[in-house]
Amino acid sequence: MNPNKVKQHNLYLVGGGVRSGKSNFALELAKKLGKERVFVATAQAWDQEMKDRIARHQTERADDFAVFEAPTDPSCYFVEKEFTDVILLDCLTLWISNLMMQEKSLDEILDAINKFIIQASNHCRHLIIVTNEVGLGVVPESAMGRQFRDITGFAHQLISRQADHVYFATMGLIQKVKPAANLVVEGMV
């Protein structure tokens, strides 16, 4: 690691509902945090709609980010990579669903997430993780849906305990949750 780049790692968790503004907020935050930016994409294009969605996101990012596609193992980014200012992972929930499709257990998924965070702390100043809050809706009718909701909730708790900054997006508004003076209880797992 370059001695001029003193490790000052910050972890950001940006969550919210679908189309809440979280990804745009995360992109703008990343641009403010540093000039060397890597976008770690977890989406897979299984159909035309998803291909179109990915193309729109690529257009939104323009050339502001180096892109690394890693739908199941974002940690492989760190093999032979240099230190960078910002890594933005979008999105955690897609990564979790990809791992679930590989029949990974809760512990394996949480271990993978933790491994990624630890490795990122040695490779960047700022790690931003974008995620969907899936625990505010109705109870899913399928066992797999309930498992996804539960794993995602545990992952959010794991990350938010470690995070320096947590933001919640809803209806296009961004609320800073951590650090906050009104945060009463943190990480009740």
C-alpha atoms as a PDB file:
ATOM      1  CA  MET A   1       0.000   0.000   0.000  1.00  0.00           C
ATOM      2  CA  ASN A   2       1.196   3.490  -0.815  1.00  0.00           C
ATOM      3  CA  PRO A   3       2.465   5.102   2.440  1.00  0.00           C
ATOM      4  CA  ASN A   4       0.959   8.442   1.351  1.00  0.00           C
ATOM      5  CA  LYS A   5      -2.477   6.840   1.422  1.00  0.00           C
ATOM      6  CA  VAL A   6      -3.030   6.427   5.135  1.00  0.00           C
ATOM      7  CA  LYS A   7      -5.793   3.962   5.933  1.00  0.00           C
ATOM      8  CA  GLN A   8      -8.870   5.887   6.965  1.00  0.00           C
ATOM      9  CA  HIS A   9     -11.606   3.439   6.093  1.00  0.00           C
ATOM     10  CA  ASN A  10     -15.248   4.494   6.288  1.00  0.00           C
ATOM     11  CA  LEU A  11     -18.161   2.128   5.759  1.00  0.00           C
ATOM     12  CA  TYR A  12     -21.450   3.516   4.446  1.00  0.00           C
ATOM     13  CA  LEU A  13     -24.708   1.561   4.283  1.00  0.00           C
ATOM     14  CA  VAL A  14     -27.362   3.119   2.038  1.00  0.00           C
ATOM     15  CA  GLY A  15     -30.717   1.388   2.174  1.00  0.00           C
ATOM     16  CA  GLY A  16     -34.311   1.985   1.258  1.00  0.00           C
ATOM     17  CA  GLY A  17     -37.146   0.791  -0.877  1.00  0.00           C
ATOM     18  CA  VAL A  18     -37.191   0.228  -4.614  1.00  0.00           C
ATOM     19  CA  ARG A  19     -36.902   3.521  -6.548  1.00  0.00           C
ATOM     20  CA  SER A  20     -36.388   5.439  -3.305  1.00  0.00           C
ATOM     21  CA  GLY A  21     -33.332   7.360  -4.551  1.00  0.00           C
ATOM     22  CA  LYS A  22     -30.725   5.303  -2.725  1.00  0.00           C
ATOM     23  CA  SER A  23     -28.580   4.390  -5.745  1.00  0.00           C
ATOM     24  CA  ASN A  24     -28.445   7.957  -7.059  1.00  0.00           C
ATOM     25  CA  PHE A  25     -27.533   9.172  -3.581  1.00  0.00           C
ATOM     26  CA  ALA A  26     -24.779   6.539  -3.329  1.00  0.00           C
ATOM     27  CA  LEU A  27     -23.371   7.510  -6.754  1.00  0.00           C
ATOM     28  CA  GLU A  28     -23.251  11.187  -5.802  1.00  0.00           C
ATOM     29  CA  LEU A  29     -21.741  10.360  -2.408  1.00  0.00           C
ATOM     30  CA  ALA A  30     -19.024   8.279  -4.069  1.00  0.00           C
ATOM     31  CA  LYS A  31     -18.180  11.141  -6.430  1.00  0.00           C
ATOM     32  CA  LYS A  32     -17.740  13.473  -3.441  1.00  0.00           C
ATOM     33  CA  LEU A  33     -15.601  11.007  -1.487  1.00  0.00           C
ATOM     34  CA  GLY A  34     -12.836  10.470  -4.023  1.00  0.00           C
ATOM     35  CA  LYS A  35     -11.590  10.563  -7.577  1.00  0.00           C
ATOM     36  CA  GLU A  36     -10.599   6.887  -7.862  1.00  0.00           C
ATOM     37  CA  ARG A  37     -13.923   5.031  -7.836  1.00  0.00           C
ATOM     38  CA  VAL A  38     -14.845   1.406  -8.448  1.00  0.00           C
ATOM     39  CA  PHE A  39     -18.429   0.242  -8.973  1.00  0.00           C
ATOM     40  CA  VAL A  40     -18.935  -3.405  -7.990  1.00  0.00           C
ATOM     41  CA  ALA A  41     -22.039  -4.639  -9.806  1.00  0.00           C
ATOM     42  CA  THR A  42     -23.908  -7.693  -8.538  1.00  0.00           C
ATOM     43  CA  ALA A  43     -26.737  -7.809 -11.094  1.00  0.00           C
ATOM     44  CA  GLN A  44     -27.048 -10.589 -13.655  1.00  0.00           C
ATOM     45  CA  ALA A  45     -28.894 -10.112 -16.944  1.00  0.00           C
ATOM     46  CA  TRP A  46     -31.216 -13.125 -17.094  1.00  0.00           C
ATOM     47  CA  ASP A  47     -33.785 -11.495 -19.382  1.00  0.00           C
ATOM     48  CA  GLN A  48     -34.239  -8.476 -21.655  1.00  0.00           C
ATOM     49  CA  GLU A  49     -35.819  -6.301 -18.976  1.00  0.00           C
ATOM     50  CA  MET A  50     -32.788  -6.826 -16.727  1.00  0.00           C
ATOM     51  CA  LYS A  51     -30.429  -6.182 -19.649  1.00  0.00           C
ATOM     52  CA  ASP A  52     -32.236  -2.875 -20.257  1.00  0.00           C
ATOM     53  CA  ARG A  53     -32.113  -2.002 -16.559  1.00  0.00           C
ATOM     54  CA  ILE A  54     -28.360  -2.675 -16.412  1.00  0.00           C
ATOM     55  CA  ALA A  55     -27.797  -0.573 -19.560  1.00  0.00           C
ATOM     56  CA  ARG A  56     -29.677   2.365 -17.958  1.00  0.00           C
ATOM     57  CA  HIS A  57     -27.524   2.099 -14.839  1.00  0.00           C
ATOM     58  CA  GLN A  58     -24.368   1.994 -16.960  1.00  0.00           C
ATOM     59  CA  THR A  59     -25.479   5.187 -18.711  1.00  0.00           C
ATOM     60  CA  GLU A  60     -26.154   6.877 -15.350  1.00  0.00           C
ATOM     61  CA  ARG A  61     -22.635   6.043 -14.158  1.00  0.00           C
ATOM     62  CA  ALA A  62     -21.073   7.186 -17.457  1.00  0.00           C
ATOM     63  CA  ASP A  63     -17.293   7.059 -17.118  1.00  0.00           C
ATOM     64  CA  ASP A  64     -17.257   8.147 -13.477  1.00  0.00           C
ATOM     65  CA  PHE A  65     -16.443   4.644 -12.212  1.00  0.00           C
ATOM     66  CA  ALA A  66     -14.308   1.682 -13.118  1.00  0.00           C
ATOM     67  CA  VAL A  67     -16.788  -1.206 -13.193  1.00  0.00           C
ATOM     68  CA  PHE A  68     -16.201  -4.668 -11.789  1.00  0.00           C
ATOM     69  CA  GLU A  69     -18.941  -7.250 -12.327  1.00  0.00           C
ATOM     70  CA  ALA A  70     -19.146  -9.756  -9.488  1.00  0.00           C
ATOM     71  CA  PRO A  71     -22.618 -11.254  -8.996  1.00  0.00           C
ATOM     72  CA  THR A  72     -21.550 -13.933  -6.508  1.00  0.00           C
ATOM     73  CA  ASP A  73     -18.078 -13.054  -5.187  1.00  0.00           C
ATOM     74  CA  PRO A  74     -17.274  -9.345  -4.952  1.00  0.00           C
ATOM     75  CA  SER A  75     -14.243 -10.247  -2.828  1.00  0.00           C
ATOM     76  CA  CYS A  76     -12.487 -11.513  -5.943  1.00  0.00           C
ATOM     77  CA  TYR A  77     -12.094  -7.831  -6.900  1.00  0.00           C
ATOM     78  CA  PHE A  78      -9.296  -7.539  -4.344  1.00  0.00           C
ATOM     79  CA  VAL A  79      -6.992 -10.041  -6.032  1.00  0.00           C
ATOM     80  CA  GLU A  80      -4.046  -8.004  -7.292  1.00  0.00           C
ATOM     81  CA  LYS A  81      -5.891  -4.672  -7.051  1.00  0.00           C
ATOM     82  CA  GLU A  82      -4.399  -1.426  -5.857  1.00  0.00           C
ATOM     83  CA  PHE A  83      -5.685   0.876  -3.154  1.00  0.00           C
ATOM     84  CA  THR A  84      -8.541   3.127  -4.337  1.00  0.00           C
ATOM     85  CA  ASP A  85     -10.564   5.972  -2.872  1.00  0.00           C
ATOM     86  CA  VAL A  86     -14.094   4.545  -3.103  1.00  0.00           C
ATOM     87  CA  ILE A  87     -15.694   1.167  -3.720  1.00  0.00           C
ATOM     88  CA  LEU A  88     -19.455   1.197  -4.269  1.00  0.00           C
ATOM     89  CA  LEU A  89     -21.244  -2.170  -4.157  1.00  0.00           C
ATOM     90  CA  ASP A  90     -24.707  -2.091  -5.741  1.00  0.00           C
ATOM     91  CA  CYS A  91     -26.529  -4.005  -4.550  1.00  0.00           C
ATOM     92  CA  LEU A  92     -26.340  -6.204  -1.486  1.00  0.00           C
ATOM     93  CA  THR A  93     -29.800  -7.717  -1.940  1.00  0.00           C
ATOM     94  CA  LEU A  94     -28.995  -8.900  -5.466  1.00  0.00           C
ATOM     95  CA  TRP A  95     -25.765 -10.411  -4.153  1.00  0.00           C
ATOM     96  CA  ILE A  96     -27.693 -12.196  -1.392  1.00  0.00           C
ATOM     97  CA  SER A  97     -30.259 -13.576  -3.854  1.00  0.00           C
ATOM     98  CA  ASN A  98     -27.436 -14.772  -6.140  1.00  0.00           C
ATOM     99  CA  LEU A  99     -25.841 -16.613  -3.212  1.00  0.00           C
ATOM    100  CA  MET A 100     -29.182 -18.095  -2.193  1.00  0.00           C
ATOM    101  CA  MET A 101     -29.583 -19.472  -5.721  1.00  0.00           C
ATOM    102  CA  GLN A 102     -26.259 -21.256  -5.111  1.00  0.00           C
ATOM    103  CA  GLU A 103     -27.869 -22.721  -1.969  1.00  0.00           C
ATOM    104  CA  LYS A 104     -25.560 -20.883   0.419  1.00  0.00           C
ATOM    105  CA  SER A 105     -26.586 -20.901   4.081  1.00  0.00           C
ATOM    106  CA  LEU A 106     -27.181 -17.878   6.291  1.00  0.00           C
ATOM    107  CA  ASP A 107     -23.756 -18.333   7.899  1.00  0.00           C
ATOM    108  CA  GLU A 108     -22.015 -18.670   4.527  1.00  0.00           C
ATOM    109  CA  ILE A 109     -23.707 -15.514   3.241  1.00  0.00           C
ATOM    110  CA  LEU A 110     -22.896 -13.475   6.357  1.00  0.00           C
ATOM    111  CA  ASP A 111     -19.299 -14.739   6.245  1.00  0.00           C
ATOM    112  CA  ALA A 112     -18.988 -13.666   2.591  1.00  0.00           C
ATOM    113  CA  ILE A 113     -20.306 -10.206   3.412  1.00  0.00           C
ATOM    114  CA  ASN A 114     -17.982  -9.829   6.380  1.00  0.00           C
ATOM    115  CA  LYS A 115     -15.015 -11.029   4.296  1.00  0.00           C
ATOM    116  CA  PHE A 116     -15.823  -8.412   1.646  1.00  0.00           C
ATOM    117  CA  ILE A 117     -15.995  -5.621   4.244  1.00  0.00           C
ATOM    118  CA  ILE A 118     -12.699  -6.670   5.828  1.00  0.00           C
ATOM    119  CA  GLN A 119     -10.925  -6.875   2.479  1.00  0.00           C
ATOM    120  CA  ALA A 120     -12.347  -3.521   1.401  1.00  0.00           C
ATOM    121  CA  SER A 121     -10.955  -1.890   4.542  1.00  0.00           C
ATOM    122  CA  ASN A 122      -7.478  -2.722   3.236  1.00  0.00           C
ATOM    123  CA  HIS A 123      -8.142  -1.558  -0.324  1.00  0.00           C
ATOM    124  CA  CYS A 124     -10.145   1.658  -0.108  1.00  0.00           C
ATOM    125  CA  ARG A 125     -10.812   4.723   1.984  1.00  0.00           C
ATOM    126  CA  HIS A 126     -14.576   4.462   1.595  1.00  0.00           C
ATOM    127  CA  LEU A 127     -16.854   1.471   1.050  1.00  0.00           C
ATOM    128  CA  ILE A 128     -20.469   2.197   0.137  1.00  0.00           C
ATOM    129  CA  ILE A 129     -22.964  -0.669   0.185  1.00  0.00           C
ATOM    130  CA  VAL A 130     -26.390  -0.118  -1.396  1.00  0.00           C
ATOM    131  CA  THR A 131     -29.242  -2.361  -0.312  1.00  0.00           C
ATOM    132  CA  ASN A 132     -33.009  -2.731  -0.445  1.00  0.00           C
ATOM    133  CA  GLU A 133     -34.903  -2.697   2.821  1.00  0.00           C
ATOM    134  CA  VAL A 134     -37.185  -5.697   2.400  1.00  0.00           C
ATOM    135  CA  GLY A 135     -38.456  -5.978   5.963  1.00  0.00           C
ATOM    136  CA  LEU A 136     -41.085  -3.244   5.826  1.00  0.00           C
ATOM    137  CA  GLY A 137     -43.617  -5.072   3.667  1.00  0.00           C
ATOM    138  CA  VAL A 138     -45.903  -8.022   4.094  1.00  0.00           C
ATOM    139  CA  VAL A 139     -44.627 -11.447   5.135  1.00  0.00           C
ATOM    140  CA  PRO A 140     -43.657 -13.267   1.915  1.00  0.00           C
ATOM    141  CA  GLU A 141     -45.886 -16.211   1.081  1.00  0.00           C
ATOM    142  CA  SER A 142     -43.070 -18.590   0.115  1.00  0.00           C
ATOM    143  CA  ALA A 143     -40.447 -20.149   2.374  1.00  0.00           C
ATOM    144  CA  MET A 144     -37.684 -18.885   0.082  1.00  0.00           C
ATOM    145  CA  GLY A 145     -39.127 -15.349   0.216  1.00  0.00           C
ATOM    146  CA  ARG A 146     -39.191 -15.440   4.014  1.00  0.00           C
ATOM    147  CA  GLN A 147     -35.645 -16.833   4.093  1.00  0.00           C
ATOM    148  CA  PHE A 148     -34.461 -14.022   1.767  1.00  0.00           C
ATOM    149  CA  ARG A 149     -36.139 -11.395   3.962  1.00  0.00           C
ATOM    150  CA  ASP A 150     -34.587 -12.865   7.113  1.00  0.00           C
ATOM    151  CA  ILE A 151     -31.072 -13.246   5.673  1.00  0.00           C
ATOM    152  CA  THR A 152     -31.219  -9.692   4.341  1.00  0.00           C
ATOM    153  CA  GLY A 153     -32.317  -8.407   7.746  1.00  0.00           C
ATOM    154  CA  PHE A 154     -29.436 -10.186   9.488  1.00  0.00           C
ATOM    155  CA  ALA A 155     -27.012  -8.847   6.855  1.00  0.00           C
ATOM    156  CA  HIS A 156     -28.285  -5.303   7.419  1.00  0.00           C
ATOM    157  CA  GLN A 157     -27.743  -5.682  11.164  1.00  0.00           C
ATOM    158  CA  LEU A 158     -24.215  -7.028  10.617  1.00  0.00           C
ATOM    159  CA  ILE A 159     -23.268  -4.157   8.318  1.00  0.00           C
ATOM    160  CA  SER A 160     -24.985  -1.376  10.259  1.00  0.00           C
ATOM    161  CA  ARG A 161     -23.127  -2.378  13.449  1.00  0.00           C
ATOM    162  CA  GLN A 162     -19.820  -1.925  11.596  1.00  0.00           C
ATOM    163  CA  ALA A 163     -20.895   1.090   9.535  1.00  0.00           C
ATOM    164  CA  ASP A 164     -19.665   4.571  10.252  1.00  0.00           C
ATOM    165  CA  HIS A 165     -22.592   6.045   8.310  1.00  0.00           C
ATOM    166  CA  VAL A 166     -26.070   4.642   7.627  1.00  0.00           C
ATOM    167  CA  TYR A 167     -28.590   6.352   5.356  1.00  0.00           C
ATOM    168  CA  PHE A 168     -32.211   5.437   4.692  1.00  0.00           C
ATOM    169  CA  ALA A 169     -33.983   6.514   1.494  1.00  0.00           C
ATOM    170  CA  THR A 170     -37.716   6.786   1.149  1.00  0.00           C
ATOM    171  CA  MET A 171     -39.828   8.571  -1.458  1.00  0.00           C
ATOM    172  CA  GLY A 172     -36.761  10.328  -2.853  1.00  0.00           C
ATOM    173  CA  LEU A 173     -35.655  11.679   0.524  1.00  0.00           C
ATOM    174  CA  ILE A 174     -32.470  10.598   2.276  1.00  0.00           C
ATOM    175  CA  GLN A 175     -32.317  10.420   6.057  1.00  0.00           C
ATOM    176  CA  LYS A 176     -29.062  10.014   7.954  1.00  0.00           C
ATOM    177  CA  VAL A 177     -29.589   7.307  10.565  1.00  0.00           C
ATOM    178  CA  LYS A 178     -26.039   6.866  11.882  1.00  0.00           C
ATOM    179  CA  PRO A 179     -24.322   8.611  13.440  1.00  0.00           C
ATOM    180  CA  ALA A 180     -27.276  10.353  14.997  1.00  0.00           C
ATOM    181  CA  ALA A 181     -27.969  11.715  18.447  1.00  0.00           C
ATOM    182  CA  ASN A 182     -31.377  10.069  18.488  1.00  0.00           C
ATOM    183  CA  LEU A 183     -30.080   6.535  17.862  1.00  0.00           C
ATOM    184  CA  VAL A 184     -31.206   4.742  21.005  1.00  0.00           C
ATOM    185  CA  VAL A 185     -30.436   1.030  20.484  1.00  0.00           C
ATOM    186  CA  GLU A 186     -28.014  -0.365  17.951  1.00  0.00           C
ATOM    187  CA  GLY A 187     -27.608  -3.927  16.714  1.00  0.00           C
ATOM    188  CA  MET A 188     -30.100  -5.906  18.772  1.00  0.00           C
ATOM    189  CA  VAL A 189     -29.494  -9.313  17.206  1.00  0.00           C
END
